[in-house]
Amino acid sequence: MKILIVHRGVIPVFAYGGTERVIWGLGKALAQMGHQVTYLVHAGSSCPFAQVITLPEGGDWRALVPRDTDVVHMQYSEGSGFQLHKPMLVTQHGNSEVGAPLPRNTVFLSANHAARHQAQCYVHNGLDWSEYGPMQPVARGPAFHFLGKAAWRVKNVQGAIDVALAAGVPLVVMGGYRVNLKRGLRITLSRRVSFMGMVGGQNKLNTLRQSRGLIFPVRWHEPFGLAVIESLYFGAPVFATPYGALPELVPPDCGVLSTDGNELADAVRARSFDPQACHRFASGFSAESMAQRYLGVYERVISGECLNDREPVMRDPASALDWQRPGRYNHVER
């Protein structure tokens, strides 16, 4: 099969970039299966296993689609009225605007993500775990971690900090800074909370290997949650809210889901989980399994089938959802 992947971004990703990491793993897995992959992406991209075509800034790219392409896999939506002379599907990576219709051939990232858009078709994200290296069980340090764009209030880094302080454990924040002036002022004074900024590469992987768990009390419906499966892959259990896809990603033997900060703090302080069980579960969200699922979707699109029974539309806002802050901290600040 000859597959064109279209994305408004640069590949490969060097630090942050969840979508880029996913589509890189997808293309690599498809190529290893014998399919011909081409990326249509922004200037500055390169790829050893696929052809790369430069996506024009703000221009119409349809004339750049190779004539022998079997299916075009877009990673963003051009709108429900967009037409192409080739079979086409769109992966919706985020939460869309309420009431804005998406193309019928839209694929979502989880069962919850699809259902909230009144749709049926979804494929769980997967990652190329070979790029993460082995789990490498080590003596874990005392700290838990938060991983995400802390400037996004729906990610609720303040909630993660509150849970860690209530539990009396150190917290490492990856994806944020001690003083935040974006989307609302936040200043974290506690020295039990450290900040790594926007971190990637081995620094990120080493922090995950040494962490005792992910504290992730998001206040929106996560479409998927790469931070969750990355943490589980390294044996770190997850303490989070039960929103969006998270119940699909965190089984009872891999963490605790609750909207009550006190309950999460108690679990962080007292509950233990088998790192190997967490690792085994996360390993199932691989680029190879994702590619196999997409191949089935490609065949449906090429045969003329519509992936959803109507244009998907988000009914309700994805945020801001309920969150109960933990009570008074049960440790002495130093």
Foldseek 3Di string as FASTA:
>chain_A
DEEEEEDAAAPDDDFDDVVNQQVLLLVVLCLVVPYAYEYAYDPPHDDDRHHYHHHDVPDDCQVVPDPPHAEYEYADFPAQPDDHPHQYAYEDQFQDDFPGFGHLRYEFAACLSQVLQVWGHYFHTAGACVLLPALPQDAADQEAEEEDQVLPCQQPVVLLVLLCQQLVTAYEYANDDQFDPHPDTHHHDFPSYHYDHRGGDPVVSVNLLRHQAYETAGQFARSHCPVLLSSLLSLHAYQYAPHHCVCVRHDPLRYYHHLESQVSSVCSNDPHHGSVVSNVSSNVRHSNSSNVSVVVSSVCSSVPHRRTPDGGGRNDGRDRHHHHRYDDRPDDGD
